[in-house]
Protein backbone atom coordinates (compact mmCIF):
# COMPACT_ATOMS: atom_id res chain seq x y z
CA MET A 1 -50.47 -43.54 4.37
CA GLN A 2 -52.90 -41.14 3.61
CA PRO A 3 -51.29 -37.77 3.56
CA LYS A 4 -52.08 -34.97 6.33
CA GLN A 5 -54.98 -32.47 5.11
CA GLN A 6 -53.46 -28.77 5.21
CA MET A 7 -54.62 -26.25 7.12
CA VAL A 8 -54.73 -22.76 7.00
CA LEU A 9 -55.58 -19.97 9.15
CA ILE A 10 -57.74 -16.73 8.02
CA VAL A 11 -56.88 -13.95 9.96
CA GLU A 12 -59.79 -11.48 8.88
CA ASP A 13 -62.25 -8.83 10.71
CA GLU A 14 -64.46 -8.41 7.62
CA GLU A 15 -66.66 -11.57 8.28
CA ALA A 16 -68.09 -11.50 4.56
CA ILE A 17 -64.20 -12.05 3.24
CA ALA A 18 -62.92 -14.78 5.53
CA GLY A 19 -66.12 -16.68 4.85
CA VAL A 20 -65.88 -16.38 1.31
CA LEU A 21 -62.50 -17.47 1.54
CA LYS A 22 -62.92 -20.01 4.11
CA ASN A 23 -65.89 -22.25 1.76
CA LYS A 24 -63.07 -22.14 -1.55
CA LEU A 25 -60.81 -23.43 0.76
CA LEU A 26 -62.91 -25.53 2.49
CA GLN A 27 -64.35 -26.86 -1.58
CA ALA A 28 -60.66 -27.42 -2.29
CA GLY A 29 -60.17 -30.11 1.05
CA ILE A 30 -58.41 -27.42 2.99
CA SER A 31 -59.23 -27.14 6.34
CA VAL A 32 -59.66 -23.67 7.65
CA GLY A 33 -59.79 -21.77 10.62
CA VAL A 34 -60.82 -18.48 11.27
CA ALA A 35 -60.20 -15.04 13.80
CA SER A 36 -61.98 -12.07 13.76
CA ASP A 37 -59.03 -10.15 15.20
CA GLY A 38 -55.35 -10.27 15.77
CA LYS A 39 -55.95 -11.16 19.83
CA THR A 40 -58.11 -14.64 18.84
CA GLY A 41 -55.47 -15.33 15.79
CA LEU A 42 -52.57 -15.27 18.68
CA ARG A 43 -54.69 -17.75 20.70
CA GLN A 44 -54.99 -19.77 17.86
CA LEU A 45 -51.55 -20.31 16.46
CA LEU A 46 -50.17 -20.52 20.17
CA THR A 47 -52.50 -23.70 20.34
CA ASN A 48 -52.49 -25.29 16.83
CA SER A 49 -50.15 -26.08 14.10
CA PHE A 50 -50.98 -24.31 10.86
CA ASP A 51 -49.66 -25.05 7.37
CA LEU A 52 -50.48 -20.91 5.78
CA LEU A 53 -51.55 -18.25 7.20
CA LEU A 54 -53.30 -15.30 5.47
CA VAL A 55 -53.45 -12.51 7.96
CA ASP A 56 -55.60 -9.06 7.29
CA ILE A 57 -53.28 -6.09 8.65
CA ARG A 58 -55.53 -3.33 10.17
CA MET A 59 -57.86 -5.46 12.99
CA PRO A 60 -59.31 -4.21 16.13
CA HIS A 61 -57.55 -4.91 19.58
CA MET A 62 -54.30 -5.90 17.56
CA ASP A 63 -53.19 -5.66 14.34
CA GLY A 64 -51.82 -8.52 11.89
CA LEU A 65 -48.41 -7.11 12.26
CA GLU A 66 -48.13 -6.94 15.56
CA MET A 67 -50.20 -10.42 15.96
CA ILE A 68 -46.88 -12.18 13.64
CA LYS A 69 -44.66 -10.78 15.85
CA LYS A 70 -45.78 -11.83 19.29
CA TRP A 71 -46.09 -15.28 17.62
CA ARG A 72 -42.72 -15.03 16.00
CA LYS A 73 -41.49 -13.80 19.34
CA HIS A 74 -43.35 -17.21 21.26
CA LYS A 75 -42.43 -19.98 18.64
CA PRO A 76 -38.91 -18.47 16.85
CA LYS A 77 -38.15 -21.74 15.44
CA ASN A 78 -42.01 -22.17 13.34
CA ARG A 79 -41.25 -21.49 9.79
CA THR A 80 -45.15 -21.21 8.55
CA PRO A 81 -45.85 -19.07 5.57
CA ILE A 82 -47.67 -15.80 5.93
CA ILE A 83 -50.03 -13.39 2.87
CA ILE A 84 -51.02 -10.81 3.87
CA LEU A 85 -54.26 -9.20 2.47
CA THR A 86 -54.73 -5.70 3.21
CA ASN A 87 -56.79 -2.65 2.18
CA LEU A 88 -53.39 -0.88 2.68
CA THR A 89 -51.13 -0.19 0.36
CA GLU A 90 -48.34 0.25 1.90
CA VAL A 91 -47.90 -1.64 4.99
CA ASP A 92 -45.75 -0.22 8.04
CA ALA A 93 -42.24 -2.41 7.48
CA THR A 94 -40.36 -3.05 4.86
CA GLU A 95 -40.29 -5.80 2.73
CA THR A 96 -36.61 -7.19 4.07
CA GLU A 97 -38.50 -7.24 7.45
CA LEU A 98 -41.72 -8.73 6.48
CA LYS A 99 -39.44 -11.45 4.81
CA LYS A 100 -37.89 -11.90 8.21
CA LEU A 101 -41.31 -12.30 9.89
CA GLY A 102 -42.02 -15.52 7.28
CA VAL A 103 -44.27 -13.00 4.66
CA ILE A 104 -44.15 -14.87 1.04
CA ASP A 105 -46.66 -12.76 -0.22
CA THR A 106 -48.58 -9.43 0.06
CA LEU A 107 -51.87 -8.98 -1.48
CA ILE A 108 -54.07 -5.79 -1.62
CA LYS A 109 -58.18 -6.72 -1.30
CA ALA A 110 -58.46 -4.49 -4.02
CA ASP A 111 -56.50 -5.71 -6.68
CA GLU A 112 -57.61 -9.30 -6.34
CA SER A 113 -60.87 -11.17 -6.85
CA LEU A 114 -61.94 -13.96 -3.61
CA GLU A 115 -61.52 -16.51 -6.10
CA ARG A 116 -57.77 -15.55 -6.94
CA VAL A 117 -56.79 -15.36 -3.29
CA ALA A 118 -58.26 -18.90 -3.02
CA GLU A 119 -56.33 -20.13 -5.65
CA LYS A 120 -52.72 -18.34 -4.46
CA ILE A 121 -53.42 -19.96 -0.73
CA ARG A 122 -53.92 -23.50 -3.10
CA ALA A 123 -51.16 -22.68 -5.08
CA ARG A 124 -48.18 -21.73 -1.98
CA LEU A 125 -49.55 -25.07 -0.22
CA HIS A 126 -49.43 -27.40 -3.16
CA SER A 127 -45.72 -25.99 -3.47
CA ILE A 128 -45.09 -26.13 0.42
CA HIS A 129 -46.54 -29.73 0.13
CA ARG A 130 -44.48 -30.91 -2.50
CA GLN A 131 -41.18 -29.32 -0.40
CA LYS A 132 -41.76 -31.53 2.66
CA GLU A 133 -41.89 -34.51 0.65
CA HIS A 134 -38.82 -33.75 -0.95
CA ASN A 135 -37.38 -33.02 2.45
CA ASP A 136 -38.88 -36.19 3.72
């Protein structure tokens, strides 16, 4: 039986960043959904299933943290891990709050190349896949 293709949702309002990351993940055989703001991201989260989320904080219409909180309220049992990618050096939430929301990593855009971000996503997906195999 062929393994299910892994799916990532990128919620990022900077088109260039979202496009580069999408292409790098597609080249690695990973399915990718893209949303340019929190409202669109929330709609996708409520109608689709993802293995990992990459979420920007500051976006138009609804910021990333608000989107995550609303999604968790609608789907409290969903444990999809989240990586925050932001320009902010401080996020308006404590580390404990972020962990409760399912945030497994916070990356600062200025400190990370997009190649490195894509590598971290691939590594996390590999870890998630191994964990699922172990639990099955």
